[in-house]
């Protein structure tokens, strides 16, 4: 599955390399970026919820193509999200990097969620209002390139959300200097969900790290469980976007996240 995504991003990388050769890479974003890491770090009010603008996916097909990025941003801000994840991959998720500009007005920090394979995509992301970007460990067979991606992300003033699917990914993420770690419960071969990953892997969390649980969060009780395990945040997309009332669905998940902190 990841190889399909890598191939889909090659034209973007080629475009950026061409721009680099001509000296016309985009300038860094001049506005203020709210801190993504600070927003999603667990505090006295409880675990946080990162709400995702997710129009479609390979596992679900079209999820919700009717809501605009701006409409979703207002709903998420009103529903209590601490940050917004924005899918920008076009071919499989029907995203667009322009959505970052459309969502920024709500004031919440944004994560660019895409399949980044080249440091030039960090330069590209730094030209947008995004405060963070996703780095998937398995996209990099070379530990040196993985570390370079994380280091260059930090140098650009962005937070790197480093995603692990198994224990080997997690150990590589830690070795490469990840500060924000996302545990994804989805099986990339079957597209099924295995929540035992989040249960088992949290034991490896260091106090200095920020941990996110992603995939398989559908109900408030799921948030309660992850909060009790010690996660800083959960990232939720499909269950919110597919709801008849996304803002109400988000509010219920936020309530579950806070409830878990009180038990």
C-alpha atoms as a PDB file:
ATOM      1  CA  UNK A   1       0.000   0.000   0.000  1.00  0.00           C
ATOM      2  CA  UNK A   2       2.727   2.480   0.928  1.00  0.00           C
ATOM      3  CA  UNK A   3       4.520   1.810  -2.349  1.00  0.00           C
ATOM      4  CA  UNK A   4       1.396   2.909  -4.233  1.00  0.00           C
ATOM      5  CA  UNK A   5       1.434   6.147  -2.269  1.00  0.00           C
ATOM      6  CA  UNK A   6       5.153   6.633  -2.938  1.00  0.00           C
ATOM      7  CA  UNK A   7       4.587   6.287  -6.686  1.00  0.00           C
ATOM      8  CA  UNK A   8       1.680   8.729  -6.513  1.00  0.00           C
ATOM      9  CA  UNK A   9       3.945  11.375  -4.942  1.00  0.00           C
ATOM     10  CA  UNK A  10       6.759  11.080  -7.493  1.00  0.00           C
ATOM     11  CA  UNK A  11       5.358  13.780  -9.774  1.00  0.00           C
ATOM     12  CA  UNK A  12       5.255  16.195  -6.824  1.00  0.00           C
ATOM     13  CA  UNK A  13       8.871  15.422  -5.956  1.00  0.00           C
ATOM     14  CA  UNK A  14       9.909  15.859  -9.597  1.00  0.00           C
ATOM     15  CA  UNK A  15       8.170  19.238  -9.708  1.00  0.00           C
ATOM     16  CA  UNK A  16       9.968  20.370  -6.545  1.00  0.00           C
ATOM     17  CA  UNK A  17      13.343  19.205  -7.849  1.00  0.00           C
ATOM     18  CA  UNK A  18      12.747  21.129 -11.050  1.00  0.00           C
ATOM     19  CA  UNK A  19      11.856  24.220  -9.020  1.00  0.00           C
ATOM     20  CA  UNK A  20      15.006  23.781  -6.942  1.00  0.00           C
ATOM     21  CA  UNK A  21      17.173  23.582 -10.070  1.00  0.00           C
ATOM     22  CA  UNK A  22      15.681  26.879 -11.245  1.00  0.00           C
ATOM     23  CA  UNK A  23      15.983  28.540  -7.832  1.00  0.00           C
ATOM     24  CA  UNK A  24      12.235  29.019  -7.487  1.00  0.00           C
ATOM     25  CA  UNK A  25      11.321  26.912  -4.467  1.00  0.00           C
ATOM     26  CA  UNK A  26       8.532  28.559  -2.437  1.00  0.00           C
ATOM     27  CA  UNK A  27       9.454  30.934   0.377  1.00  0.00           C
ATOM     28  CA  UNK A  28       8.652  29.999   3.987  1.00  0.00           C
ATOM     29  CA  UNK A  29       5.237  30.992   5.287  1.00  0.00           C
ATOM     30  CA  UNK A  30       5.439  34.492   6.746  1.00  0.00           C
ATOM     31  CA  UNK A  31       2.548  34.193   9.187  1.00  0.00           C
ATOM     32  CA  UNK A  32       2.452  32.934  12.761  1.00  0.00           C
ATOM     33  CA  UNK A  33       2.190  29.180  13.255  1.00  0.00           C
ATOM     34  CA  UNK A  34       0.512  28.016  16.476  1.00  0.00           C
ATOM     35  CA  UNK A  35       2.483  25.190  18.094  1.00  0.00           C
ATOM     36  CA  UNK A  36       1.095  21.789  17.164  1.00  0.00           C
ATOM     37  CA  UNK A  37       3.044  19.953  19.868  1.00  0.00           C
ATOM     38  CA  UNK A  38       1.888  22.296  22.627  1.00  0.00           C
ATOM     39  CA  UNK A  39      -1.731  22.033  21.491  1.00  0.00           C
ATOM     40  CA  UNK A  40      -1.860  18.232  21.520  1.00  0.00           C
ATOM     41  CA  UNK A  41       0.157  17.583  24.664  1.00  0.00           C
ATOM     42  CA  UNK A  42      -1.955  16.140  27.456  1.00  0.00           C
ATOM     43  CA  UNK A  43      -2.513  18.564  30.318  1.00  0.00           C
ATOM     44  CA  UNK A  44      -4.718  18.957  33.364  1.00  0.00           C
ATOM     45  CA  UNK A  45      -7.843  19.124  31.216  1.00  0.00           C
ATOM     46  CA  UNK A  46      -7.174  15.669  29.802  1.00  0.00           C
ATOM     47  CA  UNK A  47      -6.275  13.994  26.540  1.00  0.00           C
ATOM     48  CA  UNK A  48      -6.645  15.982  23.319  1.00  0.00           C
ATOM     49  CA  UNK A  49      -8.489  15.229  20.083  1.00  0.00           C
ATOM     50  CA  UNK A  50      -6.983  15.936  16.657  1.00  0.00           C
ATOM     51  CA  UNK A  51      -9.855  16.074  14.165  1.00  0.00           C
ATOM     52  CA  UNK A  52      -9.098  15.197  10.563  1.00  0.00           C
ATOM     53  CA  UNK A  53     -10.397  16.667   7.322  1.00  0.00           C
ATOM     54  CA  UNK A  54     -10.655  13.407   5.398  1.00  0.00           C
ATOM     55  CA  UNK A  55     -12.789  13.392   2.263  1.00  0.00           C
ATOM     56  CA  UNK A  56     -11.963   9.863   1.080  1.00  0.00           C
ATOM     57  CA  UNK A  57      -9.640   6.932   1.750  1.00  0.00           C
ATOM     58  CA  UNK A  58      -8.575   3.636   0.137  1.00  0.00           C
ATOM     59  CA  UNK A  59     -10.353   1.628   2.847  1.00  0.00           C
ATOM     60  CA  UNK A  60     -13.655   3.560   2.841  1.00  0.00           C
ATOM     61  CA  UNK A  61     -13.862   5.183  -0.597  1.00  0.00           C
ATOM     62  CA  UNK A  62     -15.658   8.532  -0.605  1.00  0.00           C
ATOM     63  CA  UNK A  63     -16.433   9.559   2.978  1.00  0.00           C
ATOM     64  CA  UNK A  64     -17.778  13.097   2.714  1.00  0.00           C
ATOM     65  CA  UNK A  65     -17.181  15.186  -0.389  1.00  0.00           C
ATOM     66  CA  UNK A  66     -19.897  17.711   0.403  1.00  0.00           C
ATOM     67  CA  UNK A  67     -18.288  19.664   3.226  1.00  0.00           C
ATOM     68  CA  UNK A  68     -15.750  22.309   2.263  1.00  0.00           C
ATOM     69  CA  UNK A  69     -12.490  22.737   4.122  1.00  0.00           C
ATOM     70  CA  UNK A  70     -13.675  26.050   5.592  1.00  0.00           C
ATOM     71  CA  UNK A  71     -16.952  24.530   6.803  1.00  0.00           C
ATOM     72  CA  UNK A  72     -15.141  21.661   8.477  1.00  0.00           C
ATOM     73  CA  UNK A  73     -12.654  24.030  10.113  1.00  0.00           C
ATOM     74  CA  UNK A  74     -15.462  25.971  11.772  1.00  0.00           C
ATOM     75  CA  UNK A  75     -17.149  22.759  12.919  1.00  0.00           C
ATOM     76  CA  UNK A  76     -13.924  21.413  14.374  1.00  0.00           C
ATOM     77  CA  UNK A  77     -13.118  24.625  16.204  1.00  0.00           C
ATOM     78  CA  UNK A  78     -16.661  24.690  17.597  1.00  0.00           C
ATOM     79  CA  UNK A  79     -16.542  21.012  18.545  1.00  0.00           C
ATOM     80  CA  UNK A  80     -13.480  21.335  20.737  1.00  0.00           C
ATOM     81  CA  UNK A  81     -10.659  19.981  18.570  1.00  0.00           C
ATOM     82  CA  UNK A  82      -7.176  20.881  19.773  1.00  0.00           C
ATOM     83  CA  UNK A  83      -5.697  20.632  16.271  1.00  0.00           C
ATOM     84  CA  UNK A  84      -6.703  19.674  12.737  1.00  0.00           C
ATOM     85  CA  UNK A  85      -5.130  17.025  10.525  1.00  0.00           C
ATOM     86  CA  UNK A  86      -5.473  17.877   6.833  1.00  0.00           C
ATOM     87  CA  UNK A  87      -5.064  15.187   4.201  1.00  0.00           C
ATOM     88  CA  UNK A  88      -3.350  16.730   1.193  1.00  0.00           C
ATOM     89  CA  UNK A  89      -2.758  13.586  -0.919  1.00  0.00           C
ATOM     90  CA  UNK A  90      -4.823  13.936  -4.085  1.00  0.00           C
ATOM     91  CA  UNK A  91      -5.045  10.568  -5.835  1.00  0.00           C
ATOM     92  CA  UNK A  92      -6.229   8.249  -3.064  1.00  0.00           C
ATOM     93  CA  UNK A  93      -7.584  10.634  -0.416  1.00  0.00           C
ATOM     94  CA  UNK A  94      -8.930  13.428  -2.649  1.00  0.00           C
ATOM     95  CA  UNK A  95      -7.012  15.994  -0.639  1.00  0.00           C
ATOM     96  CA  UNK A  96      -5.221  19.143  -1.705  1.00  0.00           C
ATOM     97  CA  UNK A  97      -2.428  21.211  -0.202  1.00  0.00           C
ATOM     98  CA  UNK A  98      -4.590  24.309  -0.786  1.00  0.00           C
ATOM     99  CA  UNK A  99      -6.902  23.110   1.997  1.00  0.00           C
ATOM    100  CA  UNK A 100      -4.293  24.270   4.506  1.00  0.00           C
ATOM    101  CA  UNK A 101      -4.872  27.885   3.468  1.00  0.00           C
ATOM    102  CA  UNK A 102      -8.641  27.403   3.607  1.00  0.00           C
ATOM    103  CA  UNK A 103      -8.561  25.989   7.136  1.00  0.00           C
ATOM    104  CA  UNK A 104      -6.030  28.334   8.771  1.00  0.00           C
ATOM    105  CA  UNK A 105      -8.642  30.989   9.621  1.00  0.00           C
ATOM    106  CA  UNK A 106     -10.034  28.861  12.465  1.00  0.00           C
ATOM    107  CA  UNK A 107      -6.773  29.405  14.352  1.00  0.00           C
ATOM    108  CA  UNK A 108      -6.066  25.772  15.257  1.00  0.00           C
ATOM    109  CA  UNK A 109      -2.639  24.293  14.480  1.00  0.00           C
ATOM    110  CA  UNK A 110      -2.661  22.039  11.420  1.00  0.00           C
ATOM    111  CA  UNK A 111      -0.894  18.798  10.583  1.00  0.00           C
ATOM    112  CA  UNK A 112      -0.167  18.199   6.906  1.00  0.00           C
ATOM    113  CA  UNK A 113      -0.964  14.509   6.501  1.00  0.00           C
ATOM    114  CA  UNK A 114       0.562  13.120   3.330  1.00  0.00           C
ATOM    115  CA  UNK A 115       3.157  10.650   2.113  1.00  0.00           C
ATOM    116  CA  UNK A 116       6.397  12.586   2.231  1.00  0.00           C
ATOM    117  CA  UNK A 117       9.475  10.936   0.782  1.00  0.00           C
ATOM    118  CA  UNK A 118      11.881  13.794   0.030  1.00  0.00           C
ATOM    119  CA  UNK A 119      13.292  16.709   2.083  1.00  0.00           C
ATOM    120  CA  UNK A 120      12.023  19.140  -0.571  1.00  0.00           C
ATOM    121  CA  UNK A 121       8.488  18.292   0.533  1.00  0.00           C
ATOM    122  CA  UNK A 122       9.430  19.763   3.907  1.00  0.00           C
ATOM    123  CA  UNK A 123      10.350  23.007   2.139  1.00  0.00           C
ATOM    124  CA  UNK A 124       6.994  22.849   0.370  1.00  0.00           C
ATOM    125  CA  UNK A 125       5.132  22.294   3.651  1.00  0.00           C
ATOM    126  CA  UNK A 126       7.034  25.140   5.319  1.00  0.00           C
ATOM    127  CA  UNK A 127       5.596  27.484   2.681  1.00  0.00           C
ATOM    128  CA  UNK A 128       2.077  26.730   3.976  1.00  0.00           C
ATOM    129  CA  UNK A 129       0.397  27.627   7.299  1.00  0.00           C
ATOM    130  CA  UNK A 130       0.799  24.038   8.557  1.00  0.00           C
ATOM    131  CA  UNK A 131       2.457  23.691  11.955  1.00  0.00           C
ATOM    132  CA  UNK A 132       3.387  20.016  11.560  1.00  0.00           C
ATOM    133  CA  UNK A 133       3.846  17.286   8.981  1.00  0.00           C
ATOM    134  CA  UNK A 134       3.589  13.504   8.965  1.00  0.00           C
ATOM    135  CA  UNK A 135       6.698  11.343   8.599  1.00  0.00           C
ATOM    136  CA  UNK A 136       5.911   7.639   8.119  1.00  0.00           C
ATOM    137  CA  UNK A 137       8.841   5.516   9.274  1.00  0.00           C
ATOM    138  CA  UNK A 138       8.174   2.780   6.711  1.00  0.00           C
ATOM    139  CA  UNK A 139       8.541   5.178   3.815  1.00  0.00           C
ATOM    140  CA  UNK A 140      12.286   5.215   4.561  1.00  0.00           C
ATOM    141  CA  UNK A 141      14.477   2.125   4.413  1.00  0.00           C
ATOM    142  CA  UNK A 142      17.517   4.316   5.127  1.00  0.00           C
ATOM    143  CA  UNK A 143      17.770   5.348   8.782  1.00  0.00           C
ATOM    144  CA  UNK A 144      19.962   8.271   7.757  1.00  0.00           C
ATOM    145  CA  UNK A 145      17.266   9.705   5.499  1.00  0.00           C
ATOM    146  CA  UNK A 146      14.636   9.184   8.185  1.00  0.00           C
ATOM    147  CA  UNK A 147      16.744  11.178  10.651  1.00  0.00           C
ATOM    148  CA  UNK A 148      17.384  13.838   8.000  1.00  0.00           C
ATOM    149  CA  UNK A 149      13.639  14.219   7.434  1.00  0.00           C
ATOM    150  CA  UNK A 150      13.010  14.650  11.157  1.00  0.00           C
ATOM    151  CA  UNK A 151      15.921  17.062  11.648  1.00  0.00           C
ATOM    152  CA  UNK A 152      15.003  19.211   8.634  1.00  0.00           C
ATOM    153  CA  UNK A 153      11.402  19.353   9.810  1.00  0.00           C
ATOM    154  CA  UNK A 154      12.521  20.762  13.151  1.00  0.00           C
ATOM    155  CA  UNK A 155      14.939  23.164  11.431  1.00  0.00           C
ATOM    156  CA  UNK A 156      12.033  24.479   9.356  1.00  0.00           C
ATOM    157  CA  UNK A 157      10.149  25.342  12.543  1.00  0.00           C
ATOM    158  CA  UNK A 158       7.654  22.508  12.159  1.00  0.00           C
ATOM    159  CA  UNK A 159       6.748  19.582  14.379  1.00  0.00           C
ATOM    160  CA  UNK A 160       7.314  16.142  12.881  1.00  0.00           C
ATOM    161  CA  UNK A 161       4.649  13.563  13.678  1.00  0.00           C
ATOM    162  CA  UNK A 162       6.542  10.301  13.222  1.00  0.00           C
ATOM    163  CA  UNK A 163       4.244   7.358  12.552  1.00  0.00           C
ATOM    164  CA  UNK A 164       4.872   3.740  13.556  1.00  0.00           C
ATOM    165  CA  UNK A 165       2.918   0.628  12.592  1.00  0.00           C
ATOM    166  CA  UNK A 166       4.924  -1.928  14.580  1.00  0.00           C
ATOM    167  CA  UNK A 167       7.605  -2.162  17.245  1.00  0.00           C
ATOM    168  CA  UNK A 168      10.432  -2.038  14.704  1.00  0.00           C
ATOM    169  CA  UNK A 169       9.035   1.243  13.339  1.00  0.00           C
ATOM    170  CA  UNK A 170       8.764   2.595  16.863  1.00  0.00           C
ATOM    171  CA  UNK A 171      12.364   1.781  17.752  1.00  0.00           C
ATOM    172  CA  UNK A 172      13.574   3.416  14.515  1.00  0.00           C
ATOM    173  CA  UNK A 173      11.490   6.516  15.258  1.00  0.00           C
ATOM    174  CA  UNK A 174      12.999   6.870  18.707  1.00  0.00           C
ATOM    175  CA  UNK A 175      16.540   6.312  17.436  1.00  0.00           C
ATOM    176  CA  UNK A 176      16.029   8.980  14.762  1.00  0.00           C
ATOM    177  CA  UNK A 177      15.023  11.583  17.345  1.00  0.00           C
ATOM    178  CA  UNK A 178      11.231  11.640  17.087  1.00  0.00           C
ATOM    179  CA  UNK A 179       9.570  13.939  19.610  1.00  0.00           C
ATOM    180  CA  UNK A 180       5.964  13.330  18.552  1.00  0.00           C
ATOM    181  CA  UNK A 181       5.096   9.676  17.891  1.00  0.00           C
ATOM    182  CA  UNK A 182       1.894   8.429  16.295  1.00  0.00           C
ATOM    183  CA  UNK A 183       0.846   4.795  16.680  1.00  0.00           C
ATOM    184  CA  UNK A 184      -1.322   3.683  13.758  1.00  0.00           C
ATOM    185  CA  UNK A 185      -3.577   0.712  14.461  1.00  0.00           C
ATOM    186  CA  UNK A 186      -4.327  -0.018  10.804  1.00  0.00           C
ATOM    187  CA  UNK A 187      -2.911  -3.107   9.083  1.00  0.00           C
ATOM    188  CA  UNK A 188      -1.514  -1.874   5.781  1.00  0.00           C
ATOM    189  CA  UNK A 189      -2.068  -5.231   4.069  1.00  0.00           C
ATOM    190  CA  UNK A 190      -5.644  -5.994   5.134  1.00  0.00           C
ATOM    191  CA  UNK A 191      -6.649  -2.394   6.024  1.00  0.00           C
ATOM    192  CA  UNK A 192      -8.145  -3.862   9.208  1.00  0.00           C
ATOM    193  CA  UNK A 193      -7.727  -2.375  12.683  1.00  0.00           C
ATOM    194  CA  UNK A 194      -5.697  -3.861  15.544  1.00  0.00           C
ATOM    195  CA  UNK A 195      -6.142  -1.777  18.694  1.00  0.00           C
ATOM    196  CA  UNK A 196      -3.731  -4.004  20.623  1.00  0.00           C
ATOM    197  CA  UNK A 197      -0.883  -1.997  19.090  1.00  0.00           C
ATOM    198  CA  UNK A 198      -1.850   1.100  21.021  1.00  0.00           C
ATOM    199  CA  UNK A 199      -2.277  -0.964  24.172  1.00  0.00           C
ATOM    200  CA  UNK A 200       1.102  -2.670  23.874  1.00  0.00           C
ATOM    201  CA  UNK A 201       3.277   0.128  22.496  1.00  0.00           C
ATOM    202  CA  UNK A 202       2.370   2.812  25.057  1.00  0.00           C
ATOM    203  CA  UNK A 203       4.635   1.003  27.516  1.00  0.00           C
ATOM    204  CA  UNK A 204       7.571   2.372  25.494  1.00  0.00           C
ATOM    205  CA  UNK A 205       6.555   6.014  25.925  1.00  0.00           C
ATOM    206  CA  UNK A 206       9.149   8.331  27.472  1.00  0.00           C
ATOM    207  CA  UNK A 207       7.967  11.304  29.506  1.00  0.00           C
ATOM    208  CA  UNK A 208       9.611  13.725  27.077  1.00  0.00           C
ATOM    209  CA  UNK A 209       7.623  12.350  24.121  1.00  0.00           C
ATOM    210  CA  UNK A 210       4.139  13.217  22.879  1.00  0.00           C
ATOM    211  CA  UNK A 211       2.109  10.201  21.772  1.00  0.00           C
ATOM    212  CA  UNK A 212      -0.890  10.060  19.433  1.00  0.00           C
ATOM    213  CA  UNK A 213      -3.202   7.101  18.826  1.00  0.00           C
ATOM    214  CA  UNK A 214      -4.563   6.934  15.263  1.00  0.00           C
ATOM    215  CA  UNK A 215      -7.107   4.686  13.483  1.00  0.00           C
ATOM    216  CA  UNK A 216      -9.927   2.795  15.171  1.00  0.00           C
ATOM    217  CA  UNK A 217     -11.230   5.638  17.342  1.00  0.00           C
ATOM    218  CA  UNK A 218     -14.986   5.689  16.744  1.00  0.00           C
ATOM    219  CA  UNK A 219     -16.797   6.249  20.036  1.00  0.00           C
ATOM    220  CA  UNK A 220     -16.302   8.223  23.270  1.00  0.00           C
ATOM    221  CA  UNK A 221     -15.418   4.993  25.090  1.00  0.00           C
ATOM    222  CA  UNK A 222     -12.481   4.537  22.703  1.00  0.00           C
ATOM    223  CA  UNK A 223     -11.207   7.933  23.813  1.00  0.00           C
ATOM    224  CA  UNK A 224     -11.701   7.001  27.457  1.00  0.00           C
ATOM    225  CA  UNK A 225      -9.556   3.885  26.984  1.00  0.00           C
ATOM    226  CA  UNK A 226      -6.739   5.721  25.236  1.00  0.00           C
ATOM    227  CA  UNK A 227      -6.772   8.460  27.859  1.00  0.00           C
ATOM    228  CA  UNK A 228      -6.524   5.869  30.616  1.00  0.00           C
ATOM    229  CA  UNK A 229      -3.563   4.257  28.847  1.00  0.00           C
ATOM    230  CA  UNK A 230      -1.720   7.584  28.883  1.00  0.00           C
ATOM    231  CA  UNK A 231      -1.935   8.891  25.317  1.00  0.00           C
ATOM    232  CA  UNK A 232      -1.584  12.625  24.813  1.00  0.00           C
ATOM    233  CA  UNK A 233      -3.984  12.716  21.858  1.00  0.00           C
ATOM    234  CA  UNK A 234      -6.134  10.684  19.530  1.00  0.00           C
ATOM    235  CA  UNK A 235      -6.430  11.452  15.820  1.00  0.00           C
ATOM    236  CA  UNK A 236      -9.911  10.855  14.413  1.00  0.00           C
ATOM    237  CA  UNK A 237     -11.098  11.296  10.843  1.00  0.00           C
ATOM    238  CA  UNK A 238     -13.553   8.795   9.378  1.00  0.00           C
ATOM    239  CA  UNK A 239     -15.998   8.552  12.276  1.00  0.00           C
ATOM    240  CA  UNK A 240     -16.320  12.343  12.418  1.00  0.00           C
ATOM    241  CA  UNK A 241     -16.474  13.003   8.687  1.00  0.00           C
ATOM    242  CA  UNK A 242     -19.023  10.221   8.099  1.00  0.00           C
ATOM    243  CA  UNK A 243     -21.324  11.422  10.875  1.00  0.00           C
ATOM    244  CA  UNK A 244     -24.583  13.230  10.001  1.00  0.00           C
ATOM    245  CA  UNK A 245     -23.438  15.884  12.490  1.00  0.00           C
ATOM    246  CA  UNK A 246     -19.624  16.087  12.498  1.00  0.00           C
ATOM    247  CA  UNK A 247     -19.453  18.810  15.142  1.00  0.00           C
ATOM    248  CA  UNK A 248     -21.662  16.898  17.583  1.00  0.00           C
ATOM    249  CA  UNK A 249     -19.695  13.708  16.953  1.00  0.00           C
ATOM    250  CA  UNK A 250     -16.444  15.522  17.663  1.00  0.00           C
ATOM    251  CA  UNK A 251     -17.861  17.059  20.839  1.00  0.00           C
ATOM    252  CA  UNK A 252     -18.782  13.597  22.124  1.00  0.00           C
ATOM    253  CA  UNK A 253     -15.257  12.330  21.476  1.00  0.00           C
ATOM    254  CA  UNK A 254     -13.730  15.337  23.224  1.00  0.00           C
ATOM    255  CA  UNK A 255     -15.971  14.644  26.226  1.00  0.00           C
ATOM    256  CA  UNK A 256     -14.756  11.039  26.272  1.00  0.00           C
ATOM    257  CA  UNK A 257     -11.139  12.182  26.144  1.00  0.00           C
ATOM    258  CA  UNK A 258     -11.657  14.431  29.149  1.00  0.00           C
ATOM    259  CA  UNK A 259     -13.654  11.773  31.023  1.00  0.00           C
ATOM    260  CA  UNK A 260     -10.798   9.309  30.683  1.00  0.00           C
ATOM    261  CA  UNK A 261      -8.463  11.721  32.433  1.00  0.00           C
ATOM    262  CA  UNK A 262     -10.778  11.919  35.440  1.00  0.00           C
ATOM    263  CA  UNK A 263     -10.968   8.187  36.170  1.00  0.00           C
END
